[in-house]
Amino acid sequence: MTANGLFRKVDTVMLRVADLEKSRAWYREKLGVKELFGEKKENLVVISFGGDTSITLWQLKEGQSLTPGTKTGCFPILMSDDVRRAHRTL
């Protein structure tokens, strides 16, 4: 739990990728990670390094690009026991 009690942990780190299949193959082959979940509709795959926090590879949609001014499409998904309280506080 964080100092202010809003978040329990980082659940996953989202990585936006241009080519999901190429990215998932790289993680599998080079790092030997285990895939926990895949979602064809959203074009994403969740991978595990064996700890509490996963990495989610999420393919950009056709014509979509990263937010201007950013070099990566990376952001955390935080787990909260009281999401309404966290939202109000933030």
C-alpha atoms as a PDB file:
ATOM      1  CA  MET A   1       0.000   0.000   0.000  1.00  0.00           C
ATOM      2  CA  THR A   2       1.338   3.471  -0.827  1.00  0.00           C
ATOM      3  CA  ALA A   3       1.945   6.059   1.879  1.00  0.00           C
ATOM      4  CA  ASN A   4      -1.457   7.687   1.272  1.00  0.00           C
ATOM      5  CA  GLY A   5      -3.212   4.315   1.141  1.00  0.00           C
ATOM      6  CA  LEU A   6      -4.662   4.836  -2.340  1.00  0.00           C
ATOM      7  CA  PHE A   7      -2.911   2.083  -4.274  1.00  0.00           C
ATOM      8  CA  ARG A   8      -1.980  -1.468  -3.367  1.00  0.00           C
ATOM      9  CA  LYS A   9       0.424  -2.170  -6.232  1.00  0.00           C
ATOM     10  CA  VAL A  10       1.357  -1.621  -9.846  1.00  0.00           C
ATOM     11  CA  ASP A  11      -0.794  -4.240 -11.542  1.00  0.00           C
ATOM     12  CA  THR A  12       0.685  -4.006 -15.022  1.00  0.00           C
ATOM     13  CA  VAL A  13       2.792  -1.696 -17.150  1.00  0.00           C
ATOM     14  CA  MET A  14       1.237  -1.001 -20.546  1.00  0.00           C
ATOM     15  CA  LEU A  15       3.625  -0.878 -23.499  1.00  0.00           C
ATOM     16  CA  ARG A  16       2.158   0.331 -26.775  1.00  0.00           C
ATOM     17  CA  VAL A  17       3.761  -1.470 -29.719  1.00  0.00           C
ATOM     18  CA  ALA A  18       3.553  -1.112 -33.485  1.00  0.00           C
ATOM     19  CA  ASP A  19       3.657  -4.874 -34.169  1.00  0.00           C
ATOM     20  CA  LEU A  20       2.232  -7.139 -31.455  1.00  0.00           C
ATOM     21  CA  GLU A  21       3.357 -10.437 -32.988  1.00  0.00           C
ATOM     22  CA  LYS A  22       6.924  -9.233 -33.489  1.00  0.00           C
ATOM     23  CA  SER A  23       7.020  -7.812 -29.953  1.00  0.00           C
ATOM     24  CA  ARG A  24       5.573 -10.895 -28.269  1.00  0.00           C
ATOM     25  CA  ALA A  25       8.019 -13.104 -30.174  1.00  0.00           C
ATOM     26  CA  TRP A  26      10.929 -10.936 -28.983  1.00  0.00           C
ATOM     27  CA  TYR A  27       9.830 -11.160 -25.325  1.00  0.00           C
ATOM     28  CA  ARG A  28       9.289 -14.922 -25.619  1.00  0.00           C
ATOM     29  CA  GLU A  29      12.544 -15.686 -27.437  1.00  0.00           C
ATOM     30  CA  LYS A  30      14.934 -13.237 -25.787  1.00  0.00           C
ATOM     31  CA  LEU A  31      13.543 -13.117 -22.241  1.00  0.00           C
ATOM     32  CA  GLY A  32      11.713 -16.434 -21.955  1.00  0.00           C
ATOM     33  CA  VAL A  33       8.620 -14.847 -20.432  1.00  0.00           C
ATOM     34  CA  LYS A  34       5.320 -16.605 -19.836  1.00  0.00           C
ATOM     35  CA  GLU A  35       2.168 -15.296 -21.493  1.00  0.00           C
ATOM     36  CA  LEU A  36      -0.684 -15.026 -19.003  1.00  0.00           C
ATOM     37  CA  PHE A  37      -3.473 -13.730 -21.226  1.00  0.00           C
ATOM     38  CA  GLY A  38      -4.151 -12.651 -24.794  1.00  0.00           C
ATOM     39  CA  GLU A  39      -7.018 -10.604 -26.208  1.00  0.00           C
ATOM     40  CA  LYS A  40      -7.434 -10.602 -29.990  1.00  0.00           C
ATOM     41  CA  LYS A  41     -10.178  -7.945 -30.062  1.00  0.00           C
ATOM     42  CA  GLU A  42      -7.985  -5.397 -28.256  1.00  0.00           C
ATOM     43  CA  ASN A  43      -4.755  -6.741 -29.777  1.00  0.00           C
ATOM     44  CA  LEU A  44      -2.902  -7.205 -26.515  1.00  0.00           C
ATOM     45  CA  VAL A  45      -1.004  -9.827 -24.576  1.00  0.00           C
ATOM     46  CA  VAL A  46      -0.110  -9.893 -20.869  1.00  0.00           C
ATOM     47  CA  ILE A  47       3.267 -11.365 -19.979  1.00  0.00           C
ATOM     48  CA  SER A  48       4.778 -12.317 -16.638  1.00  0.00           C
ATOM     49  CA  PHE A  49       8.265 -12.247 -15.210  1.00  0.00           C
ATOM     50  CA  GLY A  50       7.074 -14.312 -12.245  1.00  0.00           C
ATOM     51  CA  GLY A  51       6.325 -11.442  -9.846  1.00  0.00           C
ATOM     52  CA  ASP A  52       3.218  -9.466  -8.939  1.00  0.00           C
ATOM     53  CA  THR A  53       3.534  -6.940 -11.784  1.00  0.00           C
ATOM     54  CA  SER A  54       3.017  -7.925 -15.410  1.00  0.00           C
ATOM     55  CA  ILE A  55       3.747  -6.188 -18.699  1.00  0.00           C
ATOM     56  CA  THR A  56       0.951  -5.752 -21.217  1.00  0.00           C
ATOM     57  CA  LEU A  57       1.950  -5.384 -24.864  1.00  0.00           C
ATOM     58  CA  TRP A  58      -0.843  -3.474 -26.616  1.00  0.00           C
ATOM     59  CA  GLN A  59      -0.722  -2.889 -30.356  1.00  0.00           C
ATOM     60  CA  LEU A  60      -1.449   0.561 -31.721  1.00  0.00           C
ATOM     61  CA  LYS A  61      -4.519   0.631 -33.936  1.00  0.00           C
ATOM     62  CA  GLU A  62      -4.117   1.348 -37.637  1.00  0.00           C
ATOM     63  CA  GLY A  63      -3.439   5.059 -38.125  1.00  0.00           C
ATOM     64  CA  GLN A  64      -2.866   5.541 -34.395  1.00  0.00           C
ATOM     65  CA  SER A  65       0.396   6.952 -33.109  1.00  0.00           C
ATOM     66  CA  LEU A  66       1.895   7.732 -29.738  1.00  0.00           C
ATOM     67  CA  THR A  67       0.899  10.935 -27.968  1.00  0.00           C
ATOM     68  CA  PRO A  68       2.816  13.874 -29.476  1.00  0.00           C
ATOM     69  CA  GLY A  69       5.962  14.651 -27.525  1.00  0.00           C
ATOM     70  CA  THR A  70       6.396  11.145 -26.148  1.00  0.00           C
ATOM     71  CA  LYS A  71       9.000   8.649 -27.221  1.00  0.00           C
ATOM     72  CA  THR A  72       7.258   5.649 -25.730  1.00  0.00           C
ATOM     73  CA  GLY A  73       3.698   4.573 -25.152  1.00  0.00           C
ATOM     74  CA  CYS A  74       4.220   3.366 -21.620  1.00  0.00           C
ATOM     75  CA  PHE A  75       1.996   3.823 -18.570  1.00  0.00           C
ATOM     76  CA  PRO A  76       1.178   1.960 -15.344  1.00  0.00           C
ATOM     77  CA  ILE A  77      -2.136   0.444 -14.287  1.00  0.00           C
ATOM     78  CA  LEU A  78      -2.404   0.842 -10.514  1.00  0.00           C
ATOM     79  CA  MET A  79      -4.488  -1.461  -8.309  1.00  0.00           C
ATOM     80  CA  SER A  80      -6.699   0.178  -5.689  1.00  0.00           C
ATOM     81  CA  ASP A  81      -9.076  -1.289  -3.134  1.00  0.00           C
ATOM     82  CA  ASP A  82     -11.155   1.911  -3.257  1.00  0.00           C
ATOM     83  CA  VAL A  83     -11.079   3.313  -6.785  1.00  0.00           C
ATOM     84  CA  ARG A  84     -13.677   6.009  -6.020  1.00  0.00           C
ATOM     85  CA  ARG A  85     -11.554   7.351  -3.162  1.00  0.00           C
ATOM     86  CA  ALA A  86      -8.428   7.272  -5.350  1.00  0.00           C
ATOM     87  CA  HIS A  87     -10.260   9.142  -8.112  1.00  0.00           C
ATOM     88  CA  ARG A  88     -11.592  11.802  -5.706  1.00  0.00           C
ATOM     89  CA  THR A  89      -8.149  12.275  -4.167  1.00  0.00           C
ATOM     90  CA  LEU A  90      -6.366  12.606  -7.483  1.00  0.00           C
END
